[in-house]
Amino acid sequence: MKDLHATVRGTARQAPSAVYAFLADFSRYPAWYPSGVKTADLTAPDRGRCVLALTQGPIQRDFDMEMAIETIPESSITLRRLPKSADDREQLAVTWRLEPRAGGAETELSAEFAARLSIPGWLPLGGVERAIPQGFLDAALAALNR
């Protein structure tokens, strides 16, 4: 098992309430990040199913997963992969953290990626742990800052 962690940051030129509403809308992720999230559908108010596309270095693959959606209004949103079975030990989470800036007119936004994945030790990852949250952040900021 390999542990992967990275955090990236940027600024959205919108208030935290607008940024939170945008990021909390799980089913809209494919609309603003189609190269990273192929599908995203709510299956319950706090759960969804998605297909994430990963193209980084030698890894080019789609991952179909059930996600728990954990929210703290206007503060954070965590998308956490749910295990496929009782013996599934892989973990993956993307957490958005929001902090007001410029008197509440802007939002400091961070995307945190944490995973524990079964990846062969010989496989070069080429910065995949940073590329994943950076892709999410870049796409979100491009949509929010239009």
Protein backbone atom coordinates (compact mmCIF):
# COMPACT_ATOMS: atom_id res chain seq x y z
CA MET A 1 0.00 0.00 0.00
CA LYS A 2 1.22 3.49 -0.83
CA ASP A 3 0.16 6.59 1.06
CA LEU A 4 -0.32 9.67 -1.09
CA HIS A 5 -0.96 13.20 0.23
CA ALA A 6 -1.01 16.66 -1.30
CA THR A 7 -2.69 20.02 -0.75
CA VAL A 8 -3.02 22.83 -3.28
CA ARG A 9 -4.49 26.32 -2.83
CA GLY A 10 -6.02 29.11 -4.84
CA THR A 11 -8.44 32.02 -4.58
CA ALA A 12 -11.99 32.14 -5.88
CA ARG A 13 -13.38 35.59 -6.61
CA GLN A 14 -16.69 34.71 -4.99
CA ALA A 15 -18.02 34.63 -1.43
CA PRO A 16 -17.71 31.38 0.56
CA SER A 17 -21.47 30.74 0.32
CA ALA A 18 -21.34 30.74 -3.49
CA VAL A 19 -18.17 28.61 -3.59
CA TYR A 20 -19.67 26.16 -1.11
CA ALA A 21 -22.91 25.84 -3.12
CA PHE A 22 -20.88 25.23 -6.30
CA LEU A 23 -18.62 22.55 -4.76
CA ALA A 24 -21.37 20.85 -2.76
CA ASP A 25 -23.34 20.16 -5.96
CA PHE A 26 -21.79 16.72 -6.56
CA SER A 27 -23.80 15.91 -9.67
CA ARG A 28 -22.44 19.03 -11.45
CA TYR A 29 -18.75 18.02 -11.21
CA PRO A 30 -18.68 16.54 -14.75
CA ALA A 31 -19.96 19.86 -16.14
CA TRP A 32 -16.98 21.86 -14.84
CA TYR A 33 -14.33 19.11 -14.70
CA PRO A 34 -15.15 16.71 -17.55
CA SER A 35 -11.57 15.51 -17.99
CA GLY A 36 -11.40 14.37 -14.35
CA VAL A 37 -14.96 13.43 -13.42
CA LYS A 38 -16.76 11.53 -16.17
CA THR A 39 -19.97 10.90 -14.22
CA ALA A 40 -21.31 11.92 -10.81
CA ASP A 41 -24.76 11.00 -9.57
CA LEU A 42 -26.30 11.33 -6.14
CA THR A 43 -27.58 8.02 -4.75
CA ALA A 44 -28.64 9.56 -1.40
CA PRO A 45 -28.32 13.06 0.09
CA ASP A 46 -24.87 12.21 1.48
CA ARG A 47 -23.71 9.61 -1.08
CA GLY A 48 -22.90 9.47 -4.74
CA ARG A 49 -21.43 7.30 -7.45
CA CYS A 50 -18.81 8.67 -9.80
CA VAL A 51 -16.29 7.72 -12.42
CA LEU A 52 -12.98 9.52 -11.98
CA ALA A 53 -10.52 9.62 -14.86
CA LEU A 54 -6.84 9.54 -14.04
CA THR A 55 -4.27 10.31 -16.72
CA GLN A 56 -0.94 11.00 -15.12
CA GLY A 57 2.32 9.57 -16.35
CA PRO A 58 2.00 5.81 -16.74
CA ILE A 59 -1.43 5.70 -15.08
CA GLN A 60 -4.36 6.11 -17.44
CA ARG A 61 -7.48 4.63 -15.99
CA ASP A 62 -11.09 5.25 -14.99
CA PHE A 63 -12.14 4.54 -11.42
CA ASP A 64 -15.80 3.79 -10.68
CA MET A 65 -16.51 4.41 -7.00
CA GLU A 66 -19.16 5.04 -4.41
CA MET A 67 -18.46 8.20 -2.42
CA ALA A 68 -19.59 9.51 0.94
CA ILE A 69 -20.20 13.26 0.80
CA GLU A 70 -19.40 14.96 4.11
CA THR A 71 -20.12 18.67 4.46
CA ILE A 72 -19.70 21.48 6.94
CA PRO A 73 -21.65 24.40 5.43
CA GLU A 74 -19.45 27.13 3.98
CA SER A 75 -16.37 25.50 5.53
CA SER A 76 -15.54 22.11 3.98
CA ILE A 77 -16.68 19.33 1.67
CA THR A 78 -15.09 15.88 1.72
CA LEU A 79 -15.63 13.30 -0.98
CA ARG A 80 -14.56 9.97 0.52
CA ARG A 81 -14.39 6.66 -1.35
CA LEU A 82 -16.45 3.95 0.29
CA PRO A 83 -14.98 0.42 0.47
CA LYS A 84 -16.25 -2.07 -2.11
CA SER A 85 -16.11 -4.95 0.38
CA ALA A 86 -15.20 -5.71 4.00
CA ASP A 87 -11.60 -6.55 3.03
CA ASP A 88 -11.11 -3.46 0.82
CA ARG A 89 -8.39 -1.44 2.55
CA GLU A 90 -7.87 1.20 -0.13
CA GLN A 91 -8.80 4.75 0.82
CA LEU A 92 -9.21 7.95 -1.17
CA ALA A 93 -10.52 11.37 -0.21
CA VAL A 94 -10.63 14.84 -1.72
CA THR A 95 -11.39 17.58 0.80
CA TRP A 96 -12.24 21.16 -0.08
CA ARG A 97 -11.58 23.76 2.60
CA LEU A 98 -12.97 27.29 2.31
CA GLU A 99 -11.82 30.42 4.13
CA PRO A 100 -13.26 33.90 3.57
CA ARG A 101 -10.89 36.58 2.24
CA ALA A 102 -11.20 40.25 1.23
CA GLY A 103 -13.96 40.91 3.74
CA GLY A 104 -15.93 37.88 2.57
CA ALA A 105 -15.92 38.82 -1.13
CA GLU A 106 -13.37 36.12 -2.00
CA THR A 107 -12.63 32.60 -0.81
CA GLU A 108 -9.27 30.98 -0.15
CA LEU A 109 -9.83 27.47 -1.44
CA SER A 110 -7.71 24.42 -0.77
CA ALA A 111 -8.05 20.96 -2.27
CA GLU A 112 -6.52 18.19 -0.19
CA PHE A 113 -5.91 14.71 -1.56
CA ALA A 114 -5.24 11.73 0.69
CA ALA A 115 -5.12 8.13 -0.41
CA ARG A 116 -3.88 4.72 0.58
CA LEU A 117 -3.78 2.63 -2.56
CA SER A 118 -2.51 -0.76 -3.69
CA ILE A 119 0.12 0.41 -6.14
CA PRO A 120 3.16 -1.68 -7.05
CA GLY A 121 6.35 -0.24 -5.57
CA TRP A 122 8.10 -0.25 -8.95
CA LEU A 123 5.43 1.91 -10.61
CA PRO A 124 6.65 5.54 -10.98
CA LEU A 125 3.86 7.88 -9.92
CA GLY A 126 5.29 11.05 -11.45
CA GLY A 127 3.63 13.45 -9.00
CA VAL A 128 0.15 11.93 -9.27
CA GLU A 129 -0.64 12.81 -5.65
CA ARG A 130 -0.31 16.52 -6.45
CA ALA A 131 -1.80 16.32 -9.95
CA ILE A 132 -5.13 15.01 -8.67
CA PRO A 133 -6.01 17.90 -6.33
CA GLN A 134 -4.42 20.40 -8.75
CA GLY A 135 -6.73 19.20 -11.52
CA PHE A 136 -9.78 19.61 -9.27
CA LEU A 137 -8.65 23.04 -8.07
CA ASP A 138 -7.76 24.37 -11.52
CA ALA A 139 -11.11 23.28 -12.95
CA ALA A 140 -13.08 24.69 -10.02
CA LEU A 141 -11.29 28.05 -10.12
CA ALA A 142 -11.70 28.31 -13.90
CA ALA A 143 -15.45 27.86 -13.50
CA LEU A 144 -15.80 30.05 -10.40
CA ASN A 145 -13.63 32.92 -11.67
CA ARG A 146 -15.19 33.34 -15.11
